Amino acid sequence: MEFRELAIQDAWEFTPTVFPDERGSFHEFYRFEVLSEAVGHPMVLRQGNMSVSSKGVARGIHYALVPPGQAKYVCAPRGAFMDYVIDLRVGSPTFGEWDSVLLDDVTHRATYIAEGLGHALVALTENATVSYMISETYSPTRELAIDLFDPDIALVLPFGFERPVRSPKDAAAPSLAQALTADALPTWDSTRTLNAARSEETAPRSGELPCEG
């Protein structure tokens, strides 16, 4: 499995090796140690979600407050969608910027979206199925949204999908500026503190030696 960091720090793309044969194909869509190597720490998995969307449906921009935040590992078991990562961390060098990855059932790519980042998607096929493995269970008071059409973010939607179908909740979401004024965004410092705590938890303790087989 190969991986690369996106233009937004703490967001990663993973591309598995697919083994096709006359029966179909096989691939590993997630590897614990590969993700740990890429992001610098293990991902705790506390919930798994799956959504099915009609062609032209958009979901997001969704995010969770930090702490604890909510990291996501996202892939497409069926169909295709454009996956967006938006930096909503106040104080981040790329605050308000975004990157995107085409996720589908051909390449079987996946994205890792760290705590504090926003996430959105647009379904490009009928019955586009999205699998989310997430680091924290659902918390309605801490999971919020930003308007997909916020001109300050200026997401470029796929050609032919510029007017996606959205839920009433997503359509009523505030702009980035409104969320900033309301102090309703995660901060860069809070995510750095979270990462530092993880590094301390996973670092060998004084006097400990690695086991030898």
N, C-alpha and C. Protein backbone atom coordinates (compact mmCIF):
# COMPACT_ATOMS: atom_id res chain seq x y z
N MET A 1 0.84 -1.19 0.00
CA MET A 1 0.00 0.00 0.00
C MET A 1 0.88 1.25 0.00
N GLU A 2 0.59 2.15 -0.93
CA GLU A 2 1.33 3.40 -1.01
C GLU A 2 0.52 4.53 -0.36
N PHE A 3 1.24 5.56 0.08
CA PHE A 3 0.54 6.70 0.67
C PHE A 3 1.27 7.99 0.36
N ARG A 4 0.53 9.09 0.39
CA ARG A 4 1.11 10.41 0.21
C ARG A 4 0.28 11.41 0.99
N GLU A 5 0.96 12.44 1.52
CA GLU A 5 0.25 13.50 2.22
C GLU A 5 -0.35 14.46 1.21
N LEU A 6 -1.55 14.91 1.48
CA LEU A 6 -2.21 15.87 0.60
C LEU A 6 -1.67 17.27 0.84
N ALA A 7 -2.22 18.25 0.13
CA ALA A 7 -1.77 19.63 0.28
C ALA A 7 -2.12 20.19 1.65
N ILE A 8 -3.04 19.53 2.35
CA ILE A 8 -3.41 19.91 3.71
C ILE A 8 -2.68 19.01 4.68
N GLN A 9 -1.91 19.59 5.59
CA GLN A 9 -1.18 18.78 6.55
C GLN A 9 -2.13 17.95 7.40
N ASP A 10 -1.76 16.69 7.66
CA ASP A 10 -2.53 15.73 8.44
C ASP A 10 -3.66 15.08 7.65
N ALA A 11 -3.66 15.25 6.34
CA ALA A 11 -4.59 14.52 5.47
C ALA A 11 -3.77 13.68 4.50
N TRP A 12 -4.17 12.42 4.32
CA TRP A 12 -3.36 11.48 3.55
C TRP A 12 -4.23 10.69 2.58
N GLU A 13 -3.61 10.31 1.47
CA GLU A 13 -4.23 9.42 0.49
C GLU A 13 -3.51 8.08 0.54
N PHE A 14 -4.26 6.99 0.53
CA PHE A 14 -3.71 5.64 0.55
C PHE A 14 -4.17 4.89 -0.70
N THR A 15 -3.24 4.27 -1.39
CA THR A 15 -3.56 3.51 -2.61
C THR A 15 -3.11 2.07 -2.42
N PRO A 16 -4.04 1.13 -2.35
CA PRO A 16 -3.66 -0.26 -2.13
C PRO A 16 -3.20 -0.94 -3.42
N THR A 17 -2.54 -2.06 -3.27
CA THR A 17 -2.24 -2.92 -4.40
C THR A 17 -3.44 -3.85 -4.62
N VAL A 18 -3.97 -3.83 -5.83
CA VAL A 18 -5.14 -4.65 -6.15
C VAL A 18 -4.68 -5.89 -6.92
N PHE A 19 -5.15 -7.06 -6.50
CA PHE A 19 -4.77 -8.33 -7.12
C PHE A 19 -5.99 -8.90 -7.86
N PRO A 20 -6.09 -8.67 -9.18
CA PRO A 20 -7.23 -9.21 -9.93
C PRO A 20 -6.93 -10.62 -10.44
N ASP A 21 -7.97 -11.40 -10.61
CA ASP A 21 -7.86 -12.68 -11.29
C ASP A 21 -9.22 -13.02 -11.90
N GLU A 22 -9.35 -14.24 -12.41
CA GLU A 22 -10.59 -14.59 -13.10
C GLU A 22 -11.80 -14.59 -12.18
N ARG A 23 -11.59 -14.63 -10.87
CA ARG A 23 -12.70 -14.64 -9.91
C ARG A 23 -13.17 -13.24 -9.55
N GLY A 24 -12.28 -12.25 -9.74
CA GLY A 24 -12.58 -10.88 -9.31
C GLY A 24 -11.29 -10.19 -8.89
N SER A 25 -11.23 -9.70 -7.68
CA SER A 25 -10.01 -9.04 -7.21
C SER A 25 -9.95 -9.09 -5.69
N PHE A 26 -8.77 -8.80 -5.17
CA PHE A 26 -8.54 -8.74 -3.73
C PHE A 26 -7.64 -7.54 -3.44
N HIS A 27 -7.92 -6.82 -2.35
CA HIS A 27 -7.00 -5.77 -1.89
C HIS A 27 -7.23 -5.53 -0.40
N GLU A 28 -6.21 -4.98 0.23
CA GLU A 28 -6.31 -4.56 1.63
C GLU A 28 -6.69 -3.08 1.64
N PHE A 29 -7.86 -2.76 2.17
CA PHE A 29 -8.27 -1.35 2.14
C PHE A 29 -7.75 -0.59 3.35
N TYR A 30 -7.23 -1.31 4.36
CA TYR A 30 -6.69 -0.66 5.55
C TYR A 30 -5.60 -1.53 6.15
N ARG A 31 -4.49 -0.90 6.52
CA ARG A 31 -3.43 -1.58 7.24
C ARG A 31 -3.01 -0.71 8.41
N PHE A 32 -3.12 -1.25 9.62
CA PHE A 32 -2.82 -0.53 10.85
C PHE A 32 -1.44 0.11 10.82
N GLU A 33 -0.43 -0.69 10.45
CA GLU A 33 0.94 -0.19 10.56
C GLU A 33 1.28 0.79 9.45
N VAL A 34 0.64 0.66 8.29
CA VAL A 34 0.88 1.61 7.20
C VAL A 34 0.33 2.98 7.56
N LEU A 35 -0.89 3.01 8.08
CA LEU A 35 -1.46 4.29 8.50
C LEU A 35 -0.64 4.91 9.62
N SER A 36 -0.21 4.09 10.57
CA SER A 36 0.60 4.61 11.68
C SER A 36 1.90 5.22 11.18
N GLU A 37 2.52 4.57 10.21
CA GLU A 37 3.75 5.10 9.64
C GLU A 37 3.51 6.45 8.96
N ALA A 38 2.40 6.55 8.24
CA ALA A 38 2.11 7.78 7.51
C ALA A 38 1.79 8.94 8.44
N VAL A 39 0.86 8.74 9.36
CA VAL A 39 0.37 9.86 10.16
C VAL A 39 1.16 10.06 11.44
N GLY A 40 1.98 9.07 11.82
CA GLY A 40 2.84 9.24 12.99
C GLY A 40 2.28 8.67 14.27
N HIS A 41 1.11 8.05 14.22
CA HIS A 41 0.52 7.45 15.41
C HIS A 41 -0.57 6.49 14.98
N PRO A 42 -0.93 5.53 15.83
CA PRO A 42 -2.03 4.62 15.49
C PRO A 42 -3.35 5.37 15.48
N MET A 43 -4.32 4.86 14.73
CA MET A 43 -5.66 5.40 14.74
C MET A 43 -6.55 4.52 15.61
N VAL A 44 -7.17 5.13 16.60
CA VAL A 44 -8.12 4.40 17.43
C VAL A 44 -9.44 4.36 16.69
N LEU A 45 -10.01 3.18 16.51
CA LEU A 45 -11.27 3.02 15.78
C LEU A 45 -12.39 2.76 16.77
N ARG A 46 -13.33 3.71 16.84
CA ARG A 46 -14.42 3.59 17.80
C ARG A 46 -15.80 3.47 17.15
N GLN A 47 -15.89 3.73 15.84
CA GLN A 47 -17.19 3.62 15.18
C GLN A 47 -16.96 3.43 13.69
N GLY A 48 -17.87 2.70 13.06
CA GLY A 48 -17.84 2.54 11.61
C GLY A 48 -19.17 2.95 11.03
N ASN A 49 -19.13 3.82 10.01
CA ASN A 49 -20.35 4.30 9.35
C ASN A 49 -20.32 3.95 7.87
N MET A 50 -21.49 3.87 7.27
CA MET A 50 -21.58 3.69 5.84
C MET A 50 -22.77 4.48 5.33
N SER A 51 -22.56 5.23 4.24
CA SER A 51 -23.65 5.98 3.63
C SER A 51 -23.75 5.61 2.16
N VAL A 52 -24.97 5.64 1.64
CA VAL A 52 -25.23 5.37 0.22
C VAL A 52 -25.90 6.62 -0.34
N SER A 53 -25.36 7.16 -1.43
CA SER A 53 -25.85 8.41 -1.98
C SER A 53 -26.23 8.26 -3.45
N SER A 54 -27.29 8.93 -3.83
CA SER A 54 -27.66 9.01 -5.24
C SER A 54 -26.66 9.90 -5.97
N LYS A 55 -26.57 9.72 -7.26
CA LYS A 55 -25.70 10.55 -8.08
C LYS A 55 -26.07 12.02 -7.92
N GLY A 56 -25.07 12.85 -7.65
CA GLY A 56 -25.30 14.28 -7.50
C GLY A 56 -25.59 14.74 -6.09
N VAL A 57 -25.51 13.85 -5.12
CA VAL A 57 -25.70 14.22 -3.72
C VAL A 57 -24.37 14.69 -3.14
N ALA A 58 -24.42 15.76 -2.33
CA ALA A 58 -23.24 16.25 -1.61
C ALA A 58 -23.49 16.13 -0.11
N ARG A 59 -22.45 15.78 0.61
CA ARG A 59 -22.50 15.71 2.07
C ARG A 59 -21.35 16.55 2.62
N GLY A 60 -21.65 17.42 3.56
CA GLY A 60 -20.61 18.26 4.14
C GLY A 60 -20.80 19.72 3.76
N ILE A 61 -19.89 20.51 4.28
CA ILE A 61 -18.61 20.27 4.93
C ILE A 61 -18.85 19.95 6.41
N HIS A 62 -18.42 18.79 6.87
CA HIS A 62 -18.61 18.37 8.25
C HIS A 62 -17.29 18.37 9.01
N TYR A 63 -17.38 18.66 10.31
CA TYR A 63 -16.18 18.62 11.15
C TYR A 63 -16.60 18.44 12.60
N ALA A 64 -15.63 18.16 13.47
CA ALA A 64 -15.88 18.00 14.90
C ALA A 64 -14.90 18.87 15.69
N LEU A 65 -15.40 19.40 16.80
CA LEU A 65 -14.56 20.24 17.66
C LEU A 65 -13.47 19.40 18.33
N VAL A 66 -12.34 20.05 18.60
CA VAL A 66 -11.18 19.40 19.23
C VAL A 66 -10.89 20.10 20.55
N PRO A 67 -10.68 19.33 21.66
CA PRO A 67 -10.80 17.88 21.75
C PRO A 67 -12.26 17.44 21.86
N PRO A 68 -12.53 16.16 21.60
CA PRO A 68 -11.59 15.14 21.15
C PRO A 68 -11.41 15.12 19.64
N GLY A 69 -12.30 15.80 18.91
CA GLY A 69 -12.21 15.73 17.46
C GLY A 69 -12.68 14.38 16.94
N GLN A 70 -12.52 14.20 15.64
CA GLN A 70 -12.92 12.92 15.04
C GLN A 70 -12.12 12.71 13.76
N ALA A 71 -11.17 11.79 13.80
CA ALA A 71 -10.42 11.43 12.60
C ALA A 71 -11.23 10.43 11.79
N LYS A 72 -11.04 10.44 10.45
CA LYS A 72 -11.80 9.55 9.57
C LYS A 72 -10.87 8.86 8.59
N TYR A 73 -11.19 7.61 8.30
CA TYR A 73 -10.54 6.85 7.23
C TYR A 73 -11.66 6.47 6.28
N VAL A 74 -11.61 7.00 5.06
CA VAL A 74 -12.76 6.97 4.16
C VAL A 74 -12.40 6.24 2.87
N CYS A 75 -13.31 5.38 2.39
CA CYS A 75 -13.11 4.72 1.10
C CYS A 75 -14.46 4.46 0.44
N ALA A 76 -14.43 4.01 -0.80
CA ALA A 76 -15.65 3.79 -1.59
C ALA A 76 -15.76 2.31 -1.97
N PRO A 77 -16.50 1.51 -1.22
CA PRO A 77 -16.69 0.11 -1.60
C PRO A 77 -17.46 -0.06 -2.91
N ARG A 78 -18.30 0.94 -3.25
CA ARG A 78 -19.08 0.86 -4.49
C ARG A 78 -19.25 2.26 -5.09
N GLY A 79 -19.08 2.35 -6.40
CA GLY A 79 -19.29 3.63 -7.07
C GLY A 79 -18.10 4.57 -6.94
N ALA A 80 -18.38 5.86 -7.09
CA ALA A 80 -17.31 6.86 -7.07
C ALA A 80 -17.82 8.16 -6.48
N PHE A 81 -16.92 8.86 -5.81
CA PHE A 81 -17.24 10.19 -5.33
C PHE A 81 -15.97 11.02 -5.24
N MET A 82 -16.15 12.34 -5.29
CA MET A 82 -15.03 13.24 -5.07
C MET A 82 -15.00 13.58 -3.59
N ASP A 83 -13.86 13.33 -2.99
CA ASP A 83 -13.68 13.51 -1.55
C ASP A 83 -12.87 14.77 -1.30
N TYR A 84 -13.36 15.65 -0.42
CA TYR A 84 -12.71 16.93 -0.14
C TYR A 84 -12.25 17.00 1.31
N VAL A 85 -11.06 17.54 1.50
CA VAL A 85 -10.52 17.82 2.82
C VAL A 85 -10.32 19.33 2.92
N ILE A 86 -10.89 19.94 3.95
CA ILE A 86 -10.83 21.39 4.10
C ILE A 86 -10.19 21.71 5.45
N ASP A 87 -9.22 22.61 5.46
CA ASP A 87 -8.54 22.95 6.70
C ASP A 87 -9.34 24.02 7.44
N LEU A 88 -9.96 23.62 8.55
CA LEU A 88 -10.77 24.52 9.37
C LEU A 88 -10.09 24.87 10.68
N ARG A 89 -8.80 24.57 10.81
CA ARG A 89 -8.07 24.77 12.06
C ARG A 89 -7.55 26.21 12.12
N VAL A 90 -8.12 27.00 13.00
CA VAL A 90 -7.73 28.40 13.12
C VAL A 90 -6.26 28.47 13.54
N GLY A 91 -5.47 29.20 12.79
CA GLY A 91 -4.04 29.31 13.06
C GLY A 91 -3.19 28.39 12.22
N SER A 92 -3.82 27.48 11.47
CA SER A 92 -3.07 26.59 10.59
C SER A 92 -2.47 27.37 9.43
N PRO A 93 -1.30 26.96 8.95
CA PRO A 93 -0.70 27.62 7.78
C PRO A 93 -1.58 27.53 6.53
N THR A 94 -2.48 26.53 6.48
CA THR A 94 -3.34 26.37 5.30
C THR A 94 -4.81 26.56 5.68
N PHE A 95 -5.09 27.38 6.68
CA PHE A 95 -6.47 27.60 7.12
C PHE A 95 -7.32 28.09 5.95
N GLY A 96 -8.47 27.44 5.75
CA GLY A 96 -9.39 27.81 4.69
C GLY A 96 -9.09 27.19 3.34
N GLU A 97 -7.97 26.47 3.22
CA GLU A 97 -7.61 25.83 1.96
C GLU A 97 -8.14 24.40 1.92
N TRP A 98 -8.07 23.78 0.74
CA TRP A 98 -8.63 22.44 0.59
C TRP A 98 -7.86 21.63 -0.45
N ASP A 99 -8.11 20.34 -0.43
CA ASP A 99 -7.58 19.43 -1.44
C ASP A 99 -8.64 18.36 -1.68
N SER A 100 -8.51 17.60 -2.76
CA SER A 100 -9.52 16.60 -3.09
C SER A 100 -8.88 15.35 -3.67
N VAL A 101 -9.60 14.23 -3.54
CA VAL A 101 -9.15 12.94 -4.06
C VAL A 101 -10.37 12.23 -4.66
N LEU A 102 -10.20 11.64 -5.83
CA LEU A 102 -11.25 10.80 -6.41
C LEU A 102 -11.15 9.42 -5.77
N LEU A 103 -12.22 9.03 -5.07
CA LEU A 103 -12.29 7.71 -4.46
C LEU A 103 -13.33 6.89 -5.22
N ASP A 104 -12.96 5.66 -5.57
CA ASP A 104 -13.87 4.82 -6.35
C ASP A 104 -13.61 3.35 -6.11
N ASP A 105 -14.41 2.50 -6.77
CA ASP A 105 -14.27 1.06 -6.60
C ASP A 105 -13.38 0.43 -7.67
N VAL A 106 -12.57 1.27 -8.32
CA VAL A 106 -11.59 0.79 -9.30
C VAL A 106 -10.18 0.85 -8.71
N THR A 107 -9.78 2.04 -8.27
CA THR A 107 -8.45 2.19 -7.65
C THR A 107 -8.48 1.81 -6.18
N HIS A 108 -9.66 1.90 -5.55
CA HIS A 108 -9.84 1.57 -4.13
C HIS A 108 -8.99 2.46 -3.21
N ARG A 109 -8.74 3.70 -3.64
CA ARG A 109 -8.03 4.63 -2.76
C ARG A 109 -8.85 4.91 -1.51
N ALA A 110 -8.14 5.38 -0.48
CA ALA A 110 -8.79 5.82 0.75
C ALA A 110 -8.13 7.12 1.20
N THR A 111 -8.83 7.88 2.02
CA THR A 111 -8.25 9.08 2.60
C THR A 111 -8.32 9.01 4.12
N TYR A 112 -7.29 9.55 4.75
CA TYR A 112 -7.28 9.75 6.20
C TYR A 112 -7.40 11.23 6.45
N ILE A 113 -8.37 11.61 7.28
CA ILE A 113 -8.67 13.00 7.57
C ILE A 113 -8.54 13.20 9.07
N ALA A 114 -7.54 13.93 9.51
CA ALA A 114 -7.24 14.07 10.93
C ALA A 114 -8.25 14.95 11.65
N GLU A 115 -8.21 14.92 12.96
CA GLU A 115 -9.05 15.75 13.80
C GLU A 115 -8.86 17.23 13.44
N GLY A 116 -9.96 17.96 13.41
CA GLY A 116 -9.92 19.39 13.13
C GLY A 116 -10.10 19.76 11.68
N LEU A 117 -10.01 18.78 10.79
CA LEU A 117 -10.19 19.04 9.36
C LEU A 117 -11.66 18.85 8.97
N GLY A 118 -12.10 19.60 7.97
CA GLY A 118 -13.44 19.44 7.44
C GLY A 118 -13.45 18.40 6.34
N HIS A 119 -14.63 17.81 6.12
CA HIS A 119 -14.77 16.74 5.13
C HIS A 119 -16.06 16.94 4.35
N ALA A 120 -15.99 16.79 3.05
CA ALA A 120 -17.17 16.85 2.19
C ALA A 120 -16.99 15.86 1.05
N LEU A 121 -18.10 15.48 0.43
CA LEU A 121 -18.03 14.59 -0.72
C LEU A 121 -19.17 14.88 -1.67
N VAL A 122 -18.95 14.51 -2.92
CA VAL A 122 -19.98 14.60 -3.96
C VAL A 122 -20.05 13.25 -4.65
N ALA A 123 -21.24 12.64 -4.66
CA ALA A 123 -21.42 11.33 -5.29
C ALA A 123 -21.46 11.48 -6.81
N LEU A 124 -20.60 10.75 -7.50
CA LEU A 124 -20.48 10.83 -8.95
C LEU A 124 -21.23 9.73 -9.67
N THR A 125 -21.70 8.73 -8.94
CA THR A 125 -22.44 7.60 -9.52
C THR A 125 -23.66 7.32 -8.67
N GLU A 126 -24.59 6.58 -9.23
CA GLU A 126 -25.74 6.13 -8.44
C GLU A 126 -25.27 5.12 -7.38
N ASN A 127 -25.91 5.20 -6.24
CA ASN A 127 -25.61 4.27 -5.14
C ASN A 127 -24.14 4.30 -4.73
N ALA A 128 -23.55 5.49 -4.79
CA ALA A 128 -22.16 5.64 -4.34
C ALA A 128 -22.10 5.36 -2.84
N THR A 129 -21.31 4.36 -2.48
CA THR A 129 -21.27 3.91 -1.09
C THR A 129 -19.97 4.34 -0.45
N VAL A 130 -20.10 4.95 0.71
CA VAL A 130 -18.94 5.49 1.42
C VAL A 130 -18.80 4.79 2.76
N SER A 131 -17.61 4.29 3.04
CA SER A 131 -17.31 3.67 4.32
C SER A 131 -16.42 4.60 5.12
N TYR A 132 -16.84 4.89 6.36
CA TYR A 132 -16.06 5.73 7.26
C TYR A 132 -15.67 4.92 8.49
N MET A 133 -14.39 4.82 8.77
CA MET A 133 -13.94 4.34 10.07
C MET A 133 -13.50 5.57 10.84
N ILE A 134 -14.05 5.75 12.04
CA ILE A 134 -13.82 7.01 12.76
C ILE A 134 -13.30 6.76 14.17
N SER A 135 -12.60 7.79 14.68
CA SER A 135 -11.87 7.65 15.94
C SER A 135 -12.70 7.96 17.17
N GLU A 136 -13.87 8.59 17.00
CA GLU A 136 -14.74 8.91 18.13
C GLU A 136 -16.19 8.64 17.74
N THR A 137 -16.99 8.24 18.71
CA THR A 137 -18.40 8.00 18.44
C THR A 137 -19.13 9.32 18.22
N TYR A 138 -20.30 9.22 17.63
CA TYR A 138 -21.08 10.39 17.24
C TYR A 138 -21.43 11.26 18.45
N SER A 139 -21.25 12.56 18.30
CA SER A 139 -21.58 13.53 19.35
C SER A 139 -22.26 14.72 18.69
N PRO A 140 -23.59 14.81 18.76
CA PRO A 140 -24.30 15.86 18.03
C PRO A 140 -23.95 17.27 18.46
N THR A 141 -23.50 17.44 19.70
CA THR A 141 -23.18 18.79 20.17
C THR A 141 -21.80 19.25 19.70
N ARG A 142 -20.96 18.32 19.24
CA ARG A 142 -19.60 18.67 18.85
C ARG A 142 -19.34 18.50 17.36
N GLU A 143 -20.29 17.92 16.64
CA GLU A 143 -20.14 17.72 15.20
C GLU A 143 -20.95 18.78 14.47
N LEU A 144 -20.26 19.60 13.69
CA LEU A 144 -20.84 20.79 13.09
C LEU A 144 -20.61 20.79 11.58
N ALA A 145 -21.05 21.86 10.93
CA ALA A 145 -20.93 21.93 9.47
C ALA A 145 -20.65 23.36 9.02
N ILE A 146 -20.05 23.47 7.85
CA ILE A 146 -19.79 24.74 7.16
C ILE A 146 -20.44 24.65 5.78
N ASP A 147 -20.91 25.76 5.27
CA ASP A 147 -21.57 25.80 3.97
C ASP A 147 -20.63 25.32 2.86
N LEU A 148 -21.10 24.34 2.10
CA LEU A 148 -20.32 23.81 0.98
C LEU A 148 -19.99 24.88 -0.06
N PHE A 149 -20.85 25.88 -0.18
CA PHE A 149 -20.67 26.93 -1.21
C PHE A 149 -20.05 28.20 -0.66
N ASP A 150 -19.42 28.12 0.51
CA ASP A 150 -18.78 29.31 1.07
C ASP A 150 -17.75 29.85 0.08
N PRO A 151 -17.89 31.11 -0.38
CA PRO A 151 -16.94 31.65 -1.36
C PRO A 151 -15.54 31.84 -0.80
N ASP A 152 -15.40 31.93 0.52
CA ASP A 152 -14.06 32.06 1.11
C ASP A 152 -13.28 30.75 1.02
N ILE A 153 -13.99 29.63 0.94
CA ILE A 153 -13.34 28.33 0.75
C ILE A 153 -13.23 28.02 -0.74
N ALA A 154 -14.28 28.30 -1.48
CA ALA A 154 -14.29 28.19 -2.94
C ALA A 154 -13.94 26.79 -3.43
N LEU A 155 -14.67 25.79 -2.93
CA LEU A 155 -14.49 24.44 -3.45
C LEU A 155 -14.84 24.40 -4.93
N VAL A 156 -14.06 23.68 -5.71
CA VAL A 156 -14.36 23.47 -7.13
C VAL A 156 -15.03 22.10 -7.24
N LEU A 157 -16.33 22.10 -7.55
CA LEU A 157 -17.06 20.85 -7.66
C LEU A 157 -16.84 20.23 -9.03
N PRO A 158 -16.98 18.91 -9.14
CA PRO A 158 -16.77 18.24 -10.43
C PRO A 158 -17.70 18.80 -11.50
N PHE A 159 -17.22 18.80 -12.74
CA PHE A 159 -18.01 19.32 -13.85
C PHE A 159 -19.31 18.53 -13.97
N GLY A 160 -20.43 19.27 -14.05
CA GLY A 160 -21.73 18.63 -14.13
C GLY A 160 -22.37 18.40 -12.78
N PHE A 161 -21.64 18.69 -11.71
CA PHE A 161 -22.16 18.47 -10.35
C PHE A 161 -22.13 19.77 -9.54
N GLU A 162 -22.25 20.89 -10.22
CA GLU A 162 -22.12 22.19 -9.55
C GLU A 162 -23.34 22.54 -8.70
N ARG A 163 -24.46 21.84 -8.89
CA ARG A 163 -25.67 22.09 -8.11
C ARG A 163 -26.11 20.79 -7.42
N PRO A 164 -25.34 20.31 -6.45
CA PRO A 164 -25.63 19.03 -5.84
C PRO A 164 -26.86 19.10 -4.91
N VAL A 165 -27.41 17.94 -4.64
CA VAL A 165 -28.51 17.80 -3.69
C VAL A 165 -27.91 17.74 -2.28
N ARG A 166 -28.46 18.57 -1.38
CA ARG A 166 -27.94 18.60 -0.01
C ARG A 166 -29.08 18.42 0.99
N SER A 167 -28.73 18.00 2.20
CA SER A 167 -29.71 17.92 3.27
C SER A 167 -30.06 19.34 3.73
N PRO A 168 -31.25 19.54 4.31
CA PRO A 168 -31.60 20.86 4.84
C PRO A 168 -30.58 21.36 5.87
N LYS A 169 -30.05 20.45 6.68
CA LYS A 169 -29.06 20.84 7.69
C LYS A 169 -27.79 21.37 7.04
N ASP A 170 -27.31 20.68 6.01
CA ASP A 170 -26.10 21.14 5.32
C ASP A 170 -26.36 22.45 4.59
N ALA A 171 -27.55 22.60 4.00
CA ALA A 171 -27.86 23.81 3.26
C ALA A 171 -27.95 25.03 4.17
N ALA A 172 -28.27 24.80 5.44
CA ALA A 172 -28.41 25.90 6.40
C ALA A 172 -27.13 26.16 7.19
N ALA A 173 -26.06 25.45 6.87
CA ALA A 173 -24.81 25.60 7.63
C ALA A 173 -24.22 26.99 7.48
N PRO A 174 -23.54 27.50 8.51
CA PRO A 174 -22.95 28.83 8.45
C PRO A 174 -21.73 28.88 7.55
N SER A 175 -21.30 30.08 7.24
CA SER A 175 -20.07 30.28 6.49
C SER A 175 -18.87 30.10 7.42
N LEU A 176 -17.69 30.02 6.83
CA LEU A 176 -16.47 29.92 7.62
C LEU A 176 -16.31 31.16 8.49
N ALA A 177 -16.59 32.33 7.94
CA ALA A 177 -16.47 33.57 8.70
C ALA A 177 -17.43 33.60 9.88
N GLN A 178 -18.65 33.13 9.67
CA GLN A 178 -19.62 33.09 10.75
C GLN A 178 -19.20 32.13 11.85
N ALA A 179 -18.69 30.97 11.47
CA ALA A 179 -18.23 30.01 12.46
C ALA A 179 -17.03 30.55 13.22
N LEU A 180 -16.16 31.28 12.53
CA LEU A 180 -14.99 31.89 13.18
C LEU A 180 -15.43 32.93 14.21
N THR A 181 -16.40 33.76 13.82
CA THR A 181 -16.91 34.78 14.74
C THR A 181 -17.57 34.15 15.96
N ALA A 182 -18.23 33.03 15.75
CA ALA A 182 -18.92 32.34 16.84
C ALA A 182 -17.98 31.47 17.68
N ASP A 183 -16.70 31.49 17.37
CA ASP A 183 -15.71 30.65 18.07
C ASP A 183 -16.12 29.18 18.01
N ALA A 184 -16.57 28.76 16.82
CA ALA A 184 -17.08 27.40 16.64
C ALA A 184 -16.20 26.57 15.72
N LEU A 185 -14.90 26.88 15.70
CA LEU A 185 -13.96 26.13 14.87
C LEU A 185 -12.85 25.55 15.72
N PRO A 186 -12.29 24.42 15.31
CA PRO A 186 -11.11 23.89 16.00
C PRO A 186 -9.90 24.79 15.76
N THR A 187 -8.89 24.63 16.55
CA THR A 187 -7.68 25.44 16.40
C THR A 187 -6.49 24.57 16.07
N TRP A 188 -5.53 25.18 15.40
CA TRP A 188 -4.27 24.51 15.09
C TRP A 188 -3.58 24.07 16.37
N ASP A 189 -3.56 24.94 17.39
CA ASP A 189 -2.87 24.61 18.64
C ASP A 189 -3.51 23.40 19.33
N SER A 190 -4.84 23.30 19.28
CA SER A 190 -5.49 22.16 19.94
C SER A 190 -5.13 20.85 19.26
N THR A 191 -4.97 20.87 17.93
CA THR A 191 -4.60 19.64 17.23
C THR A 191 -3.13 19.30 17.46
N ARG A 192 -2.27 20.32 17.62
CA ARG A 192 -0.86 20.05 17.93
C ARG A 192 -0.75 19.45 19.33
N THR A 193 -1.55 19.95 20.27
CA THR A 193 -1.55 19.40 21.63
C THR A 193 -2.00 17.95 21.62
N LEU A 194 -3.02 17.66 20.82
CA LEU A 194 -3.51 16.30 20.69
C LEU A 194 -2.43 15.38 20.15
N ASN A 195 -1.72 15.81 19.11
CA ASN A 195 -0.66 14.99 18.52
C ASN A 195 0.50 14.80 19.49
N ALA A 196 0.83 15.84 20.25
CA ALA A 196 1.92 15.73 21.21
C ALA A 196 1.58 14.72 22.30
N ALA A 197 0.32 14.71 22.74
CA ALA A 197 -0.11 13.75 23.75
C ALA A 197 -0.02 12.33 23.22
N ARG A 198 -0.38 12.14 21.95
CA ARG A 198 -0.27 10.81 21.34
C ARG A 198 1.18 10.35 21.29
N SER A 199 2.06 11.26 20.88
CA SER A 199 3.48 10.91 20.78
C SER A 199 4.02 10.49 22.14
N GLU A 200 3.58 11.17 23.18
CA GLU A 200 4.04 10.83 24.53
C GLU A 200 3.52 9.47 24.95
N GLU A 201 2.26 9.16 24.56
CA GLU A 201 1.67 7.88 24.92
C GLU A 201 2.34 6.71 24.23
N THR A 202 2.77 6.92 22.98
CA THR A 202 3.35 5.82 22.20
C THR A 202 4.86 5.73 22.32
N ALA A 203 5.51 6.75 22.90
CA ALA A 203 6.97 6.72 23.03
C ALA A 203 7.37 5.69 24.09
N PRO A 204 8.52 4.99 23.90
CA PRO A 204 8.98 4.05 24.91
C PRO A 204 9.26 4.75 26.23
N ARG A 205 8.89 4.12 27.33
CA ARG A 205 9.16 4.70 28.64
C ARG A 205 10.62 4.57 29.00
N SER A 206 11.08 5.44 29.88
CA SER A 206 12.49 5.43 30.29
C SER A 206 12.85 4.07 30.87
N GLY A 207 13.94 3.51 30.38
CA GLY A 207 14.40 2.22 30.85
C GLY A 207 13.85 1.04 30.08
N GLU A 208 12.84 1.31 29.24
CA GLU A 208 12.26 0.22 28.47
C GLU A 208 13.12 -0.08 27.24
N LEU A 209 13.24 -1.32 26.90
CA LEU A 209 13.97 -1.73 25.72
C LEU A 209 13.02 -2.50 24.80
N PRO A 210 13.22 -2.36 23.52
CA PRO A 210 12.36 -3.14 22.61
C PRO A 210 12.60 -4.63 22.78
N CYS A 211 11.53 -5.40 22.62
CA CYS A 211 11.64 -6.85 22.76
C CYS A 211 12.43 -7.43 21.60
N GLU A 212 13.21 -8.43 21.86
CA GLU A 212 13.96 -9.13 20.81
C GLU A 212 13.38 -10.53 20.67
N GLY A 213 13.11 -10.89 19.43
CA GLY A 213 12.56 -12.22 19.19
C GLY A 213 13.65 -13.26 19.09
